Amino acid sequence: MRQRVTPGVGNRACIPRDLEAWQDQAIAALATPAEARARPEETRKDRRRIQELEREMRRKDKALAETAALLVLSKKLSAIFREGADE
């Protein structure tokens, strides 16, 4: 018995039985009970926590950039003064 194959993505072919199984899985996932979904207050807390973490990450990124710039400047200054001492 040959199965009917429909064109898929790329080199893959989709068998209608597979499509039906995927559709059933998608419907089951979307129809999860309300308890499984995040409550609005949890979503707000999560959003607030994400904003705090992003703010902290930006602050630390700026501090790291400043430290790197100071390190480069100190190396340049020490190189300049070593050259001046040789003369």
C-alpha atoms as a PDB file:
ATOM      1  CA  MET A   1       0.000   0.000   0.000  1.00  0.00           C
ATOM      2  CA  ARG A   2       1.368   3.394  -0.995  1.00  0.00           C
ATOM      3  CA  GLN A   3       0.835   6.450   1.157  1.00  0.00           C
ATOM      4  CA  ARG A   4      -0.154   9.691  -0.397  1.00  0.00           C
ATOM      5  CA  VAL A   5       2.610  12.262   0.057  1.00  0.00           C
ATOM      6  CA  THR A   6       2.101  16.006  -0.082  1.00  0.00           C
ATOM      7  CA  PRO A   7       4.925  18.425  -0.852  1.00  0.00           C
ATOM      8  CA  GLY A   8       6.750  19.582   2.242  1.00  0.00           C
ATOM      9  CA  VAL A   9       9.516  21.991   3.113  1.00  0.00           C
ATOM     10  CA  GLY A  10      12.813  21.439   1.353  1.00  0.00           C
ATOM     11  CA  ASN A  11      13.529  17.768   0.690  1.00  0.00           C
ATOM     12  CA  ARG A  12      11.030  16.554   3.261  1.00  0.00           C
ATOM     13  CA  ALA A  13       7.618  15.250   2.375  1.00  0.00           C
ATOM     14  CA  CYS A  14       4.572  15.403   4.629  1.00  0.00           C
ATOM     15  CA  ILE A  15       2.351  12.395   5.049  1.00  0.00           C
ATOM     16  CA  PRO A  16      -1.265  13.330   5.785  1.00  0.00           C
ATOM     17  CA  ARG A  17      -1.213  11.106   8.884  1.00  0.00           C
ATOM     18  CA  ASP A  18       1.725  13.164  10.226  1.00  0.00           C
ATOM     19  CA  LEU A  19      -0.072  16.408   9.445  1.00  0.00           C
ATOM     20  CA  GLU A  20      -3.119  15.251  11.369  1.00  0.00           C
ATOM     21  CA  ALA A  21      -0.973  14.241  14.343  1.00  0.00           C
ATOM     22  CA  TRP A  22       0.790  17.627  14.338  1.00  0.00           C
ATOM     23  CA  GLN A  23      -2.539  19.414  14.097  1.00  0.00           C
ATOM     24  CA  ASP A  24      -3.890  17.420  17.055  1.00  0.00           C
ATOM     25  CA  GLN A  25      -0.781  18.246  19.093  1.00  0.00           C
ATOM     26  CA  ALA A  26      -1.049  21.950  18.261  1.00  0.00           C
ATOM     27  CA  ILE A  27      -4.723  22.066  19.209  1.00  0.00           C
ATOM     28  CA  ALA A  28      -4.011  20.238  22.467  1.00  0.00           C
ATOM     29  CA  ALA A  29      -1.210  22.665  23.317  1.00  0.00           C
ATOM     30  CA  LEU A  30      -3.386  25.694  22.613  1.00  0.00           C
ATOM     31  CA  ALA A  31      -6.281  24.288  24.590  1.00  0.00           C
ATOM     32  CA  THR A  32      -4.333  23.979  27.840  1.00  0.00           C
ATOM     33  CA  PRO A  33      -6.293  24.773  30.984  1.00  0.00           C
ATOM     34  CA  ALA A  34      -6.232  28.294  32.344  1.00  0.00           C
ATOM     35  CA  GLU A  35      -4.196  27.124  35.361  1.00  0.00           C
ATOM     36  CA  ALA A  36      -1.300  26.263  33.085  1.00  0.00           C
ATOM     37  CA  ARG A  37      -1.187  29.770  31.658  1.00  0.00           C
ATOM     38  CA  ALA A  38       0.584  32.605  33.423  1.00  0.00           C
ATOM     39  CA  ARG A  39      -1.645  34.853  35.477  1.00  0.00           C
ATOM     40  CA  PRO A  40      -1.579  38.571  34.614  1.00  0.00           C
ATOM     41  CA  GLU A  41       0.068  39.521  37.930  1.00  0.00           C
ATOM     42  CA  GLU A  42       2.806  36.939  37.332  1.00  0.00           C
ATOM     43  CA  THR A  43       3.305  38.318  33.850  1.00  0.00           C
ATOM     44  CA  ARG A  44       3.664  41.842  35.249  1.00  0.00           C
ATOM     45  CA  LYS A  45       6.155  40.635  37.871  1.00  0.00           C
ATOM     46  CA  ASP A  46       8.142  38.811  35.205  1.00  0.00           C
ATOM     47  CA  ARG A  47       8.136  41.872  32.961  1.00  0.00           C
ATOM     48  CA  ARG A  48       9.295  44.065  35.856  1.00  0.00           C
ATOM     49  CA  ARG A  49      12.051  41.580  36.734  1.00  0.00           C
ATOM     50  CA  ILE A  50      13.209  41.488  33.111  1.00  0.00           C
ATOM     51  CA  GLN A  51      13.381  45.288  33.052  1.00  0.00           C
ATOM     52  CA  GLU A  52      15.427  45.300  36.278  1.00  0.00           C
ATOM     53  CA  LEU A  53      17.833  42.722  34.874  1.00  0.00           C
ATOM     54  CA  GLU A  54      18.195  44.626  31.598  1.00  0.00           C
ATOM     55  CA  ARG A  55      18.872  47.853  33.519  1.00  0.00           C
ATOM     56  CA  GLU A  56      21.516  46.086  35.623  1.00  0.00           C
ATOM     57  CA  MET A  57      23.066  44.554  32.504  1.00  0.00           C
ATOM     58  CA  ARG A  58      23.304  47.980  30.798  1.00  0.00           C
ATOM     59  CA  ARG A  59      24.911  49.457  33.928  1.00  0.00           C
ATOM     60  CA  LYS A  60      27.485  46.658  34.120  1.00  0.00           C
ATOM     61  CA  ASP A  61      28.159  46.891  30.390  1.00  0.00           C
ATOM     62  CA  LYS A  62      28.890  50.610  30.736  1.00  0.00           C
ATOM     63  CA  ALA A  63      31.163  49.968  33.723  1.00  0.00           C
ATOM     64  CA  LEU A  64      33.044  47.297  31.766  1.00  0.00           C
ATOM     65  CA  ALA A  65      33.461  49.631  28.778  1.00  0.00           C
ATOM     66  CA  GLU A  66      34.754  52.379  31.053  1.00  0.00           C
ATOM     67  CA  THR A  67      37.220  49.998  32.719  1.00  0.00           C
ATOM     68  CA  ALA A  68      38.463  48.800  29.328  1.00  0.00           C
ATOM     69  CA  ALA A  69      38.916  52.399  28.142  1.00  0.00           C
ATOM     70  CA  LEU A  70      40.852  53.305  31.300  1.00  0.00           C
ATOM     71  CA  LEU A  71      43.076  50.256  30.866  1.00  0.00           C
ATOM     72  CA  VAL A  72      43.862  51.192  27.267  1.00  0.00           C
ATOM     73  CA  LEU A  73      44.614  54.784  28.275  1.00  0.00           C
ATOM     74  CA  SER A  74      46.884  53.715  31.120  1.00  0.00           C
ATOM     75  CA  LYS A  75      48.827  51.417  28.761  1.00  0.00           C
ATOM     76  CA  LYS A  76      49.187  54.225  26.229  1.00  0.00           C
ATOM     77  CA  LEU A  77      50.381  56.638  28.914  1.00  0.00           C
ATOM     78  CA  SER A  78      52.919  54.180  30.271  1.00  0.00           C
ATOM     79  CA  ALA A  79      54.170  53.530  26.725  1.00  0.00           C
ATOM     80  CA  ILE A  80      54.515  57.280  26.076  1.00  0.00           C
ATOM     81  CA  PHE A  81      56.384  57.937  29.304  1.00  0.00           C
ATOM     82  CA  ARG A  82      58.701  54.953  28.759  1.00  0.00           C
ATOM     83  CA  GLU A  83      59.603  56.357  25.333  1.00  0.00           C
ATOM     84  CA  GLY A  84      60.204  59.791  26.877  1.00  0.00           C
ATOM     85  CA  ALA A  85      62.472  58.291  29.552  1.00  0.00           C
ATOM     86  CA  ASP A  86      64.668  56.704  26.875  1.00  0.00           C
ATOM     87  CA  GLU A  87      65.544  60.102  25.367  1.00  0.00           C
END
